[in-house]
């Protein structure tokens, strides 16, 4: 509850918690710290980039097939159906496929989880999915990867990564600087051909080449995100303390959620049939935000939330 109040909005990135604790430990020794934020967005460091390129092989499928599946088949398939989200994703256009990949629980896809009234309200006015899609359309990029990097820099980097680090570090009175995001360096990297960022399946190609030359150790280790083991925790440590919050009558009766769908998601995760760890986390954060700022009467500084997703 303490950290969710600091975010002032239903912020769904669970890595805010380890970010807070790392900042708190660092503050015991320093008052200013440097981070590597921006490196993944500038040099194509995320796993989702090669995944997106690999799924380009499905782009021969006619658009009408995807529309038929999304409109008529997907809503009728049980959420536990294997390959349900995969088919929804690969049958989208290149832009929409990537935006869907970086989205959790967008109201226009997960209609069954939310009440009809909430879906209608969430899709009125400014739709977050449309806003992110606009960055893809406006990118003056020569190739697919460059277009995705532009989109992530304009959305995920600013709205998630930098927001998280800024608020969690300042909560511990630690000042953070991001040297990679110096505007002169960003302009130089942006102008580099994509082959210096992503080559032969190697992400951050140029950075790794330079690091090898300098003798930096551990470069061959698999990439590891800065996230919590939510899948395990929801079935163990978090189960007794946080899961009941999602199943309380007042949570399920606020008008946002479809009660039977929420219970199905919980049961599927606890039984091990599906991994809904991130979905459950987002629903929890949304409920805590409601309690912090709507139920308590407090007013968040951030703009009113209009869709349950992280992008």
C-alpha atoms as a PDB file:
ATOM      1  CA  UNK A   1       0.000   0.000   0.000  1.00  0.00           C
ATOM      2  CA  UNK A   2       2.857   2.370   0.856  1.00  0.00           C
ATOM      3  CA  UNK A   3       4.561   2.106  -2.551  1.00  0.00           C
ATOM      4  CA  UNK A   4       1.335   2.140  -4.542  1.00  0.00           C
ATOM      5  CA  UNK A   5       0.429   5.471  -2.926  1.00  0.00           C
ATOM      6  CA  UNK A   6       3.784   6.887  -4.046  1.00  0.00           C
ATOM      7  CA  UNK A   7       3.070   5.957  -7.681  1.00  0.00           C
ATOM      8  CA  UNK A   8      -0.210   7.954  -7.556  1.00  0.00           C
ATOM      9  CA  UNK A   9      -1.646   5.887 -10.417  1.00  0.00           C
ATOM     10  CA  UNK A  10      -2.396   2.200 -11.109  1.00  0.00           C
ATOM     11  CA  UNK A  11       1.203   1.503 -12.091  1.00  0.00           C
ATOM     12  CA  UNK A  12       1.471  -2.177 -13.056  1.00  0.00           C
ATOM     13  CA  UNK A  13       5.234  -2.787 -13.314  1.00  0.00           C
ATOM     14  CA  UNK A  14       6.091  -5.076 -10.385  1.00  0.00           C
ATOM     15  CA  UNK A  15       9.787  -4.204 -10.670  1.00  0.00           C
ATOM     16  CA  UNK A  16       8.986  -0.990  -8.797  1.00  0.00           C
ATOM     17  CA  UNK A  17       9.433  -3.005  -5.582  1.00  0.00           C
ATOM     18  CA  UNK A  18      13.011  -4.234  -6.192  1.00  0.00           C
ATOM     19  CA  UNK A  19      13.797  -0.788  -7.638  1.00  0.00           C
ATOM     20  CA  UNK A  20      12.710   0.782  -4.355  1.00  0.00           C
ATOM     21  CA  UNK A  21      14.798  -1.591  -2.240  1.00  0.00           C
ATOM     22  CA  UNK A  22      17.907  -1.235  -4.416  1.00  0.00           C
ATOM     23  CA  UNK A  23      17.532   2.537  -4.187  1.00  0.00           C
ATOM     24  CA  UNK A  24      17.150   2.344  -0.414  1.00  0.00           C
ATOM     25  CA  UNK A  25      20.329   0.277  -0.078  1.00  0.00           C
ATOM     26  CA  UNK A  26      22.240   2.581  -2.428  1.00  0.00           C
ATOM     27  CA  UNK A  27      21.104   5.614  -0.439  1.00  0.00           C
ATOM     28  CA  UNK A  28      22.905   4.242   2.602  1.00  0.00           C
ATOM     29  CA  UNK A  29      26.171   4.940   0.773  1.00  0.00           C
ATOM     30  CA  UNK A  30      25.562   7.653  -1.859  1.00  0.00           C
ATOM     31  CA  UNK A  31      23.186  10.499  -2.622  1.00  0.00           C
ATOM     32  CA  UNK A  32      23.419  10.303  -6.434  1.00  0.00           C
ATOM     33  CA  UNK A  33      23.520   7.171  -8.615  1.00  0.00           C
ATOM     34  CA  UNK A  34      23.923   6.453 -12.332  1.00  0.00           C
ATOM     35  CA  UNK A  35      21.698   3.972 -14.184  1.00  0.00           C
ATOM     36  CA  UNK A  36      21.735   2.284 -17.566  1.00  0.00           C
ATOM     37  CA  UNK A  37      18.124   3.160 -18.357  1.00  0.00           C
ATOM     38  CA  UNK A  38      17.592   3.699 -22.063  1.00  0.00           C
ATOM     39  CA  UNK A  39      20.091   1.112 -23.236  1.00  0.00           C
ATOM     40  CA  UNK A  40      17.461  -1.440 -24.221  1.00  0.00           C
ATOM     41  CA  UNK A  41      15.355   1.095 -26.104  1.00  0.00           C
ATOM     42  CA  UNK A  42      18.306   2.572 -27.980  1.00  0.00           C
ATOM     43  CA  UNK A  43      20.163  -0.665 -28.773  1.00  0.00           C
ATOM     44  CA  UNK A  44      17.312  -3.200 -29.162  1.00  0.00           C
ATOM     45  CA  UNK A  45      17.947  -5.069 -25.935  1.00  0.00           C
ATOM     46  CA  UNK A  46      14.526  -6.560 -25.174  1.00  0.00           C
ATOM     47  CA  UNK A  47      13.532 -10.168 -25.880  1.00  0.00           C
ATOM     48  CA  UNK A  48      10.385  -8.982 -27.623  1.00  0.00           C
ATOM     49  CA  UNK A  49      12.291  -7.623 -30.639  1.00  0.00           C
ATOM     50  CA  UNK A  50      13.478 -11.002 -32.002  1.00  0.00           C
ATOM     51  CA  UNK A  51      10.082 -12.471 -31.090  1.00  0.00           C
ATOM     52  CA  UNK A  52       8.390  -9.810 -33.207  1.00  0.00           C
ATOM     53  CA  UNK A  53      10.720 -10.501 -36.128  1.00  0.00           C
ATOM     54  CA  UNK A  54      10.116 -14.242 -35.834  1.00  0.00           C
ATOM     55  CA  UNK A  55       6.350 -13.715 -36.013  1.00  0.00           C
ATOM     56  CA  UNK A  56       6.658 -11.822 -39.267  1.00  0.00           C
ATOM     57  CA  UNK A  57       6.350 -15.226 -40.962  1.00  0.00           C
ATOM     58  CA  UNK A  58       2.602 -15.133 -40.222  1.00  0.00           C
ATOM     59  CA  UNK A  59       2.022 -11.894 -42.116  1.00  0.00           C
ATOM     60  CA  UNK A  60       0.960 -13.767 -45.259  1.00  0.00           C
ATOM     61  CA  UNK A  61      -2.335 -14.684 -43.562  1.00  0.00           C
ATOM     62  CA  UNK A  62      -5.194 -12.497 -44.913  1.00  0.00           C
ATOM     63  CA  UNK A  63      -6.517  -9.823 -42.589  1.00  0.00           C
ATOM     64  CA  UNK A  64     -10.091 -11.146 -42.772  1.00  0.00           C
ATOM     65  CA  UNK A  65      -8.965 -14.392 -41.122  1.00  0.00           C
ATOM     66  CA  UNK A  66      -7.633 -12.470 -38.138  1.00  0.00           C
ATOM     67  CA  UNK A  67     -10.750 -10.315 -37.859  1.00  0.00           C
ATOM     68  CA  UNK A  68     -12.993 -13.388 -37.943  1.00  0.00           C
ATOM     69  CA  UNK A  69     -10.957 -15.100 -35.244  1.00  0.00           C
ATOM     70  CA  UNK A  70     -10.846 -12.045 -32.961  1.00  0.00           C
ATOM     71  CA  UNK A  71     -14.512 -11.141 -33.375  1.00  0.00           C
ATOM     72  CA  UNK A  72     -16.168 -14.559 -33.465  1.00  0.00           C
ATOM     73  CA  UNK A  73     -13.804 -17.245 -32.156  1.00  0.00           C
ATOM     74  CA  UNK A  74     -11.575 -15.668 -29.489  1.00  0.00           C
ATOM     75  CA  UNK A  75     -14.420 -14.431 -27.239  1.00  0.00           C
ATOM     76  CA  UNK A  76     -15.936 -17.934 -27.198  1.00  0.00           C
ATOM     77  CA  UNK A  77     -12.751 -19.804 -26.287  1.00  0.00           C
ATOM     78  CA  UNK A  78     -12.188 -20.497 -22.564  1.00  0.00           C
ATOM     79  CA  UNK A  79      -9.312 -18.456 -21.126  1.00  0.00           C
ATOM     80  CA  UNK A  80      -7.511 -21.726 -20.343  1.00  0.00           C
ATOM     81  CA  UNK A  81      -7.344 -22.673 -24.055  1.00  0.00           C
ATOM     82  CA  UNK A  82      -3.702 -23.075 -25.049  1.00  0.00           C
ATOM     83  CA  UNK A  83      -2.636 -20.869 -27.936  1.00  0.00           C
ATOM     84  CA  UNK A  84      -5.630 -18.532 -27.523  1.00  0.00           C
ATOM     85  CA  UNK A  85      -3.614 -15.343 -26.980  1.00  0.00           C
ATOM     86  CA  UNK A  86      -0.908 -16.481 -29.404  1.00  0.00           C
ATOM     87  CA  UNK A  87      -3.387 -16.768 -32.270  1.00  0.00           C
ATOM     88  CA  UNK A  88      -4.989 -13.450 -31.345  1.00  0.00           C
ATOM     89  CA  UNK A  89      -1.534 -11.867 -31.520  1.00  0.00           C
ATOM     90  CA  UNK A  90      -0.064 -13.374 -34.690  1.00  0.00           C
ATOM     91  CA  UNK A  91      -3.221 -12.646 -36.702  1.00  0.00           C
ATOM     92  CA  UNK A  92      -2.924  -8.903 -36.065  1.00  0.00           C
ATOM     93  CA  UNK A  93      -1.249  -6.384 -38.360  1.00  0.00           C
ATOM     94  CA  UNK A  94       2.485  -5.771 -37.684  1.00  0.00           C
ATOM     95  CA  UNK A  95       1.804  -2.616 -35.683  1.00  0.00           C
ATOM     96  CA  UNK A  96      -1.096  -3.990 -33.690  1.00  0.00           C
ATOM     97  CA  UNK A  97       0.753  -7.245 -33.039  1.00  0.00           C
ATOM     98  CA  UNK A  98       3.603  -5.440 -31.332  1.00  0.00           C
ATOM     99  CA  UNK A  99       1.336  -3.126 -29.332  1.00  0.00           C
ATOM    100  CA  UNK A 100      -0.615  -6.185 -28.196  1.00  0.00           C
ATOM    101  CA  UNK A 101       2.655  -7.873 -27.195  1.00  0.00           C
ATOM    102  CA  UNK A 102       3.587  -5.045 -24.825  1.00  0.00           C
ATOM    103  CA  UNK A 103       0.065  -4.671 -23.425  1.00  0.00           C
ATOM    104  CA  UNK A 104      -1.418  -6.445 -20.416  1.00  0.00           C
ATOM    105  CA  UNK A 105      -5.188  -6.785 -20.130  1.00  0.00           C
ATOM    106  CA  UNK A 106      -6.243  -4.187 -22.711  1.00  0.00           C
ATOM    107  CA  UNK A 107      -9.983  -3.737 -22.378  1.00  0.00           C
ATOM    108  CA  UNK A 108     -10.647  -4.340 -26.077  1.00  0.00           C
ATOM    109  CA  UNK A 109      -9.031  -7.808 -25.890  1.00  0.00           C
ATOM    110  CA  UNK A 110      -9.937  -9.028 -22.407  1.00  0.00           C
ATOM    111  CA  UNK A 111     -13.588  -8.040 -22.535  1.00  0.00           C
ATOM    112  CA  UNK A 112     -14.655 -11.116 -20.585  1.00  0.00           C
ATOM    113  CA  UNK A 113     -12.638 -10.068 -17.534  1.00  0.00           C
ATOM    114  CA  UNK A 114     -14.296  -6.659 -17.233  1.00  0.00           C
ATOM    115  CA  UNK A 115     -17.882  -5.549 -16.932  1.00  0.00           C
ATOM    116  CA  UNK A 116     -19.547  -4.241 -20.084  1.00  0.00           C
ATOM    117  CA  UNK A 117     -19.911  -0.807 -18.477  1.00  0.00           C
ATOM    118  CA  UNK A 118     -16.208  -0.601 -17.682  1.00  0.00           C
ATOM    119  CA  UNK A 119     -15.168  -1.692 -21.180  1.00  0.00           C
ATOM    120  CA  UNK A 120     -17.396   0.995 -22.673  1.00  0.00           C
ATOM    121  CA  UNK A 121     -15.939   3.650 -20.354  1.00  0.00           C
ATOM    122  CA  UNK A 122     -12.345   2.505 -20.932  1.00  0.00           C
ATOM    123  CA  UNK A 123     -12.675   2.711 -24.702  1.00  0.00           C
ATOM    124  CA  UNK A 124     -14.283   6.155 -24.743  1.00  0.00           C
ATOM    125  CA  UNK A 125     -12.225   9.213 -25.545  1.00  0.00           C
ATOM    126  CA  UNK A 126      -8.469   8.642 -25.529  1.00  0.00           C
ATOM    127  CA  UNK A 127      -7.715   4.946 -25.919  1.00  0.00           C
ATOM    128  CA  UNK A 128      -4.186   4.159 -24.613  1.00  0.00           C
ATOM    129  CA  UNK A 129      -3.707   1.497 -27.286  1.00  0.00           C
ATOM    130  CA  UNK A 130      -4.446   4.037 -30.011  1.00  0.00           C
ATOM    131  CA  UNK A 131      -2.048   6.531 -28.459  1.00  0.00           C
ATOM    132  CA  UNK A 132       0.814   4.013 -28.479  1.00  0.00           C
ATOM    133  CA  UNK A 133      -0.069   2.887 -31.998  1.00  0.00           C
ATOM    134  CA  UNK A 134       0.300   6.466 -33.150  1.00  0.00           C
ATOM    135  CA  UNK A 135       4.010   6.394 -32.272  1.00  0.00           C
ATOM    136  CA  UNK A 136       4.474   3.413 -34.586  1.00  0.00           C
ATOM    137  CA  UNK A 137       2.698   5.208 -37.411  1.00  0.00           C
ATOM    138  CA  UNK A 138       4.614   8.465 -36.944  1.00  0.00           C
ATOM    139  CA  UNK A 139       8.088   6.916 -36.691  1.00  0.00           C
ATOM    140  CA  UNK A 140      10.343   8.115 -39.493  1.00  0.00           C
ATOM    141  CA  UNK A 141      12.237   4.829 -39.446  1.00  0.00           C
ATOM    142  CA  UNK A 142      13.890   2.916 -42.289  1.00  0.00           C
ATOM    143  CA  UNK A 143      13.121  -0.582 -40.947  1.00  0.00           C
ATOM    144  CA  UNK A 144      10.920  -2.545 -38.548  1.00  0.00           C
ATOM    145  CA  UNK A 145      13.324  -2.616 -35.590  1.00  0.00           C
ATOM    146  CA  UNK A 146      13.928   1.141 -35.741  1.00  0.00           C
ATOM    147  CA  UNK A 147      10.194   1.728 -35.726  1.00  0.00           C
ATOM    148  CA  UNK A 148       9.784  -0.450 -32.616  1.00  0.00           C
ATOM    149  CA  UNK A 149      12.645   1.328 -30.847  1.00  0.00           C
ATOM    150  CA  UNK A 150      10.996   4.675 -31.524  1.00  0.00           C
ATOM    151  CA  UNK A 151       7.681   3.424 -30.175  1.00  0.00           C
ATOM    152  CA  UNK A 152       9.281   2.054 -26.988  1.00  0.00           C
ATOM    153  CA  UNK A 153      11.315   5.200 -26.437  1.00  0.00           C
ATOM    154  CA  UNK A 154       8.210   7.382 -26.688  1.00  0.00           C
ATOM    155  CA  UNK A 155       5.980   5.157 -24.559  1.00  0.00           C
ATOM    156  CA  UNK A 156       7.520   2.398 -22.437  1.00  0.00           C
ATOM    157  CA  UNK A 157      10.732   4.228 -21.572  1.00  0.00           C
ATOM    158  CA  UNK A 158       9.015   7.428 -20.492  1.00  0.00           C
ATOM    159  CA  UNK A 159       5.762   6.066 -19.104  1.00  0.00           C
ATOM    160  CA  UNK A 160       7.158   3.020 -17.308  1.00  0.00           C
ATOM    161  CA  UNK A 161      10.926   2.780 -16.859  1.00  0.00           C
ATOM    162  CA  UNK A 162      11.777   6.404 -16.080  1.00  0.00           C
ATOM    163  CA  UNK A 163       8.589   6.958 -14.090  1.00  0.00           C
ATOM    164  CA  UNK A 164       9.314   3.924 -11.920  1.00  0.00           C
ATOM    165  CA  UNK A 165      12.959   4.758 -11.298  1.00  0.00           C
ATOM    166  CA  UNK A 166      12.260   8.420 -10.594  1.00  0.00           C
ATOM    167  CA  UNK A 167       9.502   7.819  -8.049  1.00  0.00           C
ATOM    168  CA  UNK A 168      11.070   4.851  -6.298  1.00  0.00           C
ATOM    169  CA  UNK A 169      14.486   6.484  -6.018  1.00  0.00           C
ATOM    170  CA  UNK A 170      13.074   9.795  -4.807  1.00  0.00           C
ATOM    171  CA  UNK A 171      11.043   7.868  -2.227  1.00  0.00           C
ATOM    172  CA  UNK A 172      14.406   7.008  -0.656  1.00  0.00           C
ATOM    173  CA  UNK A 173      15.919  10.501  -1.233  1.00  0.00           C
ATOM    174  CA  UNK A 174      18.274   9.089  -3.860  1.00  0.00           C
ATOM    175  CA  UNK A 175      18.873  11.145  -6.997  1.00  0.00           C
ATOM    176  CA  UNK A 176      19.289   9.125 -10.186  1.00  0.00           C
ATOM    177  CA  UNK A 177      20.943  10.182 -13.440  1.00  0.00           C
ATOM    178  CA  UNK A 178      20.682   8.359 -16.793  1.00  0.00           C
ATOM    179  CA  UNK A 179      23.808   9.201 -18.845  1.00  0.00           C
ATOM    180  CA  UNK A 180      22.772   7.021 -21.781  1.00  0.00           C
ATOM    181  CA  UNK A 181      19.847   9.368 -22.323  1.00  0.00           C
ATOM    182  CA  UNK A 182      21.991  12.443 -22.900  1.00  0.00           C
ATOM    183  CA  UNK A 183      20.260  13.990 -25.882  1.00  0.00           C
ATOM    184  CA  UNK A 184      23.441  14.256 -27.965  1.00  0.00           C
ATOM    185  CA  UNK A 185      24.173  10.545 -27.465  1.00  0.00           C
ATOM    186  CA  UNK A 186      20.561   9.593 -28.176  1.00  0.00           C
ATOM    187  CA  UNK A 187      20.608  11.521 -31.452  1.00  0.00           C
ATOM    188  CA  UNK A 188      23.869   9.818 -32.458  1.00  0.00           C
ATOM    189  CA  UNK A 189      22.617   6.317 -31.653  1.00  0.00           C
ATOM    190  CA  UNK A 190      19.293   6.907 -33.370  1.00  0.00           C
ATOM    191  CA  UNK A 191      21.126   7.754 -36.584  1.00  0.00           C
ATOM    192  CA  UNK A 192      23.141   4.523 -36.513  1.00  0.00           C
ATOM    193  CA  UNK A 193      22.073   1.756 -38.924  1.00  0.00           C
ATOM    194  CA  UNK A 194      20.098  -1.027 -37.238  1.00  0.00           C
ATOM    195  CA  UNK A 195      22.876  -3.557 -37.926  1.00  0.00           C
ATOM    196  CA  UNK A 196      24.892  -1.911 -35.139  1.00  0.00           C
ATOM    197  CA  UNK A 197      22.085  -2.528 -32.658  1.00  0.00           C
ATOM    198  CA  UNK A 198      20.650  -5.872 -33.727  1.00  0.00           C
ATOM    199  CA  UNK A 199      22.621  -8.292 -35.895  1.00  0.00           C
ATOM    200  CA  UNK A 200      22.189 -12.003 -36.435  1.00  0.00           C
ATOM    201  CA  UNK A 201      19.935 -12.341 -33.422  1.00  0.00           C
ATOM    202  CA  UNK A 202      22.426 -10.493 -31.183  1.00  0.00           C
ATOM    203  CA  UNK A 203      20.844  -7.610 -29.288  1.00  0.00           C
ATOM    204  CA  UNK A 204      22.847  -4.555 -28.200  1.00  0.00           C
ATOM    205  CA  UNK A 205      25.398  -5.603 -30.795  1.00  0.00           C
ATOM    206  CA  UNK A 206      27.599  -2.494 -30.642  1.00  0.00           C
ATOM    207  CA  UNK A 207      27.571  -2.293 -26.847  1.00  0.00           C
ATOM    208  CA  UNK A 208      28.557  -5.945 -26.546  1.00  0.00           C
ATOM    209  CA  UNK A 209      31.385  -5.527 -29.036  1.00  0.00           C
ATOM    210  CA  UNK A 210      32.750  -2.604 -27.056  1.00  0.00           C
ATOM    211  CA  UNK A 211      32.306  -4.459 -23.766  1.00  0.00           C
ATOM    212  CA  UNK A 212      34.199  -7.489 -25.107  1.00  0.00           C
ATOM    213  CA  UNK A 213      37.038  -5.220 -26.204  1.00  0.00           C
ATOM    214  CA  UNK A 214      37.173  -3.699 -22.714  1.00  0.00           C
ATOM    215  CA  UNK A 215      37.099  -7.108 -21.033  1.00  0.00           C
ATOM    216  CA  UNK A 216      33.792  -6.680 -19.225  1.00  0.00           C
ATOM    217  CA  UNK A 217      32.937 -10.044 -17.572  1.00  0.00           C
ATOM    218  CA  UNK A 218      29.635 -11.926 -17.723  1.00  0.00           C
ATOM    219  CA  UNK A 219      28.587 -10.853 -21.205  1.00  0.00           C
ATOM    220  CA  UNK A 220      27.504 -14.341 -22.229  1.00  0.00           C
ATOM    221  CA  UNK A 221      25.007 -14.745 -19.410  1.00  0.00           C
ATOM    222  CA  UNK A 222      21.306 -14.839 -20.402  1.00  0.00           C
ATOM    223  CA  UNK A 223      19.464 -11.545 -20.095  1.00  0.00           C
ATOM    224  CA  UNK A 224      17.587 -11.323 -16.809  1.00  0.00           C
ATOM    225  CA  UNK A 225      14.869  -8.799 -16.149  1.00  0.00           C
ATOM    226  CA  UNK A 226      14.527  -6.813 -12.933  1.00  0.00           C
ATOM    227  CA  UNK A 227      11.261  -8.394 -11.864  1.00  0.00           C
ATOM    228  CA  UNK A 228       9.812 -10.384  -8.995  1.00  0.00           C
ATOM    229  CA  UNK A 229       8.964 -14.132  -9.038  1.00  0.00           C
ATOM    230  CA  UNK A 230       5.244 -13.431  -9.105  1.00  0.00           C
ATOM    231  CA  UNK A 231       4.280 -16.827 -10.519  1.00  0.00           C
ATOM    232  CA  UNK A 232       5.641 -18.587  -7.441  1.00  0.00           C
ATOM    233  CA  UNK A 233       4.631 -15.919  -4.935  1.00  0.00           C
ATOM    234  CA  UNK A 234       0.953 -15.939  -5.912  1.00  0.00           C
ATOM    235  CA  UNK A 235       0.924 -19.661  -5.090  1.00  0.00           C
ATOM    236  CA  UNK A 236       2.824 -19.297  -1.827  1.00  0.00           C
ATOM    237  CA  UNK A 237       3.875 -16.103  -0.003  1.00  0.00           C
ATOM    238  CA  UNK A 238       1.295 -13.769  -1.564  1.00  0.00           C
ATOM    239  CA  UNK A 239      -1.558 -16.247  -1.499  1.00  0.00           C
ATOM    240  CA  UNK A 240      -2.691 -15.684   2.077  1.00  0.00           C
ATOM    241  CA  UNK A 241      -2.126 -11.924   2.321  1.00  0.00           C
ATOM    242  CA  UNK A 242      -2.888 -10.421  -1.085  1.00  0.00           C
ATOM    243  CA  UNK A 243      -5.058 -12.875  -2.987  1.00  0.00           C
ATOM    244  CA  UNK A 244      -8.042 -12.353  -0.654  1.00  0.00           C
ATOM    245  CA  UNK A 245      -8.018  -8.656  -1.604  1.00  0.00           C
ATOM    246  CA  UNK A 246      -8.955  -9.607  -5.171  1.00  0.00           C
ATOM    247  CA  UNK A 247     -11.774 -11.849  -3.988  1.00  0.00           C
ATOM    248  CA  UNK A 248     -13.314  -9.542  -1.411  1.00  0.00           C
ATOM    249  CA  UNK A 249     -16.941  -8.687  -2.185  1.00  0.00           C
ATOM    250  CA  UNK A 250     -16.231  -4.948  -2.358  1.00  0.00           C
ATOM    251  CA  UNK A 251     -13.463  -5.566  -4.935  1.00  0.00           C
ATOM    252  CA  UNK A 252     -15.668  -7.700  -7.149  1.00  0.00           C
ATOM    253  CA  UNK A 253     -18.719  -5.463  -6.797  1.00  0.00           C
ATOM    254  CA  UNK A 254     -17.187  -2.111  -7.763  1.00  0.00           C
ATOM    255  CA  UNK A 255     -18.423  -2.456 -11.326  1.00  0.00           C
ATOM    256  CA  UNK A 256     -15.012  -2.864 -12.988  1.00  0.00           C
ATOM    257  CA  UNK A 257     -14.730  -6.645 -13.121  1.00  0.00           C
ATOM    258  CA  UNK A 258     -16.643  -9.748 -14.080  1.00  0.00           C
ATOM    259  CA  UNK A 259     -16.680 -11.748 -10.840  1.00  0.00           C
ATOM    260  CA  UNK A 260     -16.838 -15.200 -12.404  1.00  0.00           C
ATOM    261  CA  UNK A 261     -13.987 -14.378 -14.788  1.00  0.00           C
ATOM    262  CA  UNK A 262     -11.767 -13.146 -11.941  1.00  0.00           C
ATOM    263  CA  UNK A 263     -12.410 -16.310  -9.943  1.00  0.00           C
ATOM    264  CA  UNK A 264     -11.611 -18.410 -13.003  1.00  0.00           C
ATOM    265  CA  UNK A 265      -8.290 -16.621 -13.499  1.00  0.00           C
ATOM    266  CA  UNK A 266      -7.410 -17.137  -9.827  1.00  0.00           C
ATOM    267  CA  UNK A 267      -8.328 -20.834  -9.900  1.00  0.00           C
ATOM    268  CA  UNK A 268      -6.398 -21.451 -13.120  1.00  0.00           C
ATOM    269  CA  UNK A 269      -3.278 -19.883 -11.658  1.00  0.00           C
ATOM    270  CA  UNK A 270      -3.467 -21.658  -8.303  1.00  0.00           C
ATOM    271  CA  UNK A 271      -4.019 -25.014  -9.998  1.00  0.00           C
ATOM    272  CA  UNK A 272      -1.036 -24.492 -12.286  1.00  0.00           C
ATOM    273  CA  UNK A 273      -3.121 -24.805 -15.452  1.00  0.00           C
ATOM    274  CA  UNK A 274      -2.132 -21.320 -16.616  1.00  0.00           C
ATOM    275  CA  UNK A 275       0.288 -18.637 -15.499  1.00  0.00           C
ATOM    276  CA  UNK A 276      -1.766 -15.521 -14.727  1.00  0.00           C
ATOM    277  CA  UNK A 277       0.775 -13.987 -12.335  1.00  0.00           C
ATOM    278  CA  UNK A 278       1.046 -10.623 -14.109  1.00  0.00           C
ATOM    279  CA  UNK A 279      -2.696 -10.393 -14.708  1.00  0.00           C
ATOM    280  CA  UNK A 280      -3.367 -10.944 -11.000  1.00  0.00           C
ATOM    281  CA  UNK A 281      -0.748  -8.360 -10.099  1.00  0.00           C
ATOM    282  CA  UNK A 282      -2.380  -5.752 -12.334  1.00  0.00           C
ATOM    283  CA  UNK A 283      -5.804  -6.415 -10.866  1.00  0.00           C
ATOM    284  CA  UNK A 284      -4.345  -6.099  -7.364  1.00  0.00           C
ATOM    285  CA  UNK A 285      -2.610  -2.809  -8.169  1.00  0.00           C
ATOM    286  CA  UNK A 286      -5.792  -1.429  -9.701  1.00  0.00           C
ATOM    287  CA  UNK A 287      -7.765  -2.305  -6.574  1.00  0.00           C
ATOM    288  CA  UNK A 288      -5.123  -0.795  -4.273  1.00  0.00           C
ATOM    289  CA  UNK A 289      -5.145   2.384  -6.364  1.00  0.00           C
ATOM    290  CA  UNK A 290      -8.905   2.574  -5.978  1.00  0.00           C
ATOM    291  CA  UNK A 291      -8.611   2.188  -2.210  1.00  0.00           C
ATOM    292  CA  UNK A 292      -5.774   4.697  -1.955  1.00  0.00           C
ATOM    293  CA  UNK A 293      -7.302   7.486  -4.012  1.00  0.00           C
ATOM    294  CA  UNK A 294     -10.993   6.909  -4.676  1.00  0.00           C
ATOM    295  CA  UNK A 295     -12.216   5.092  -1.604  1.00  0.00           C
ATOM    296  CA  UNK A 296     -10.142   7.262   0.731  1.00  0.00           C
ATOM    297  CA  UNK A 297     -11.103  10.473  -1.030  1.00  0.00           C
ATOM    298  CA  UNK A 298      -7.497  11.373  -1.874  1.00  0.00           C
ATOM    299  CA  UNK A 299      -6.740  12.777  -5.316  1.00  0.00           C
ATOM    300  CA  UNK A 300      -3.823  11.408  -7.372  1.00  0.00           C
ATOM    301  CA  UNK A 301      -1.681  13.858  -9.264  1.00  0.00           C
ATOM    302  CA  UNK A 302      -1.607  11.681 -12.369  1.00  0.00           C
ATOM    303  CA  UNK A 303      -4.327  11.918 -14.988  1.00  0.00           C
ATOM    304  CA  UNK A 304      -7.427   9.831 -14.406  1.00  0.00           C
ATOM    305  CA  UNK A 305      -6.859   6.253 -15.518  1.00  0.00           C
ATOM    306  CA  UNK A 306      -8.901   5.132 -18.510  1.00  0.00           C
ATOM    307  CA  UNK A 307      -7.722   1.562 -19.198  1.00  0.00           C
ATOM    308  CA  UNK A 308      -6.204  -1.289 -17.207  1.00  0.00           C
ATOM    309  CA  UNK A 309      -2.946  -2.051 -18.984  1.00  0.00           C
ATOM    310  CA  UNK A 310       0.769  -1.395 -19.021  1.00  0.00           C
ATOM    311  CA  UNK A 311       2.404  -0.488 -22.277  1.00  0.00           C
END
